[in-house]
Amino acid sequence: MNELIFEVTQEADGGFVAECLSEGIFTQAGTWEELRRNVREATAAYFFDRKEQPASLRLHLVRDEVLANG
């Protein structure tokens, strides 16, 4: 396993939510730096009893914006 990809969305309150696209890993945080720590912690906990660990974790920020037309 080379890489896990997390889809990250920003909440209305400014916090972030990260969900792994291939494993059942989910976490959230108030800041980007805190989210980075939480993703690492959640991944370590998920794989704690496995020999193979992902080599890297990709945080993919998804931004959804609706603009009024007119």
Protein backbone atom coordinates (compact mmCIF):
# COMPACT_ATOMS: atom_id res chain seq x y z
CA MET A 1 0.00 0.00 0.00
CA ASN A 2 1.66 3.16 -1.16
CA GLU A 3 -0.80 5.96 -0.48
CA LEU A 4 -4.13 6.68 1.17
CA ILE A 5 -6.19 9.55 -0.21
CA PHE A 6 -8.40 11.61 2.08
CA GLU A 7 -11.14 13.84 0.73
CA VAL A 8 -11.15 16.99 2.85
CA THR A 9 -14.06 19.40 3.04
CA GLN A 10 -14.28 22.65 4.96
CA GLU A 11 -17.30 23.08 7.19
CA ALA A 12 -19.34 26.27 7.48
CA ASP A 13 -17.74 26.97 10.88
CA GLY A 14 -14.27 26.87 9.30
CA GLY A 15 -13.30 23.41 10.55
CA PHE A 16 -12.24 20.53 8.33
CA VAL A 17 -13.49 16.97 7.83
CA ALA A 18 -11.30 14.26 6.25
CA GLU A 19 -12.58 10.92 4.97
CA CYS A 20 -10.38 8.23 3.46
CA LEU A 21 -11.62 7.11 0.05
CA SER A 22 -10.45 3.49 0.36
CA GLU A 23 -10.56 2.64 4.09
CA GLY A 24 -12.93 3.37 6.96
CA ILE A 25 -10.92 6.27 8.36
CA PHE A 26 -12.63 9.54 9.26
CA THR A 27 -11.52 12.52 11.34
CA GLN A 28 -12.13 16.23 11.79
CA ALA A 29 -10.37 19.29 13.22
CA GLY A 30 -10.66 23.01 13.69
CA THR A 31 -7.50 23.94 11.78
CA TRP A 32 -5.50 22.54 8.88
CA GLU A 33 -2.49 21.74 11.11
CA GLU A 34 -4.70 19.96 13.62
CA LEU A 35 -6.31 18.01 10.77
CA ARG A 36 -2.89 16.85 9.56
CA ARG A 37 -2.10 15.52 13.05
CA ASN A 38 -5.52 13.89 13.38
CA VAL A 39 -5.24 12.15 10.00
CA ARG A 40 -1.87 10.71 11.02
CA GLU A 41 -3.26 9.57 14.41
CA ALA A 42 -6.42 8.07 12.91
CA THR A 43 -4.41 6.21 10.27
CA ALA A 44 -1.96 4.85 12.85
CA ALA A 45 -4.87 3.66 15.00
CA TYR A 46 -6.59 2.03 12.03
CA PHE A 47 -3.44 0.13 11.01
CA PHE A 48 -2.08 -0.49 14.53
CA ASP A 49 -2.18 -4.30 14.25
CA ARG A 50 -1.00 -4.57 10.63
CA LYS A 51 2.54 -4.86 9.37
CA GLU A 52 1.90 -2.93 6.17
CA GLN A 53 1.37 0.79 6.62
CA PRO A 54 0.67 3.37 3.89
CA ALA A 55 3.82 5.14 2.72
CA SER A 56 2.03 8.48 2.34
CA LEU A 57 -1.24 10.22 3.13
CA ARG A 58 -2.73 12.61 0.56
CA LEU A 59 -5.13 15.32 1.73
CA HIS A 60 -7.30 16.40 -1.20
CA LEU A 61 -9.21 19.59 -0.36
CA VAL A 62 -12.58 19.73 -2.11
CA ARG A 63 -14.20 23.12 -2.40
CA ASP A 64 -17.81 23.50 -3.43
CA GLU A 65 -18.93 27.05 -4.14
CA VAL A 66 -22.26 28.26 -5.52
CA LEU A 67 -22.31 31.66 -7.23
CA ALA A 68 -25.40 33.69 -7.95
CA ASN A 69 -25.69 34.37 -11.65
CA GLY A 70 -26.74 37.91 -12.21
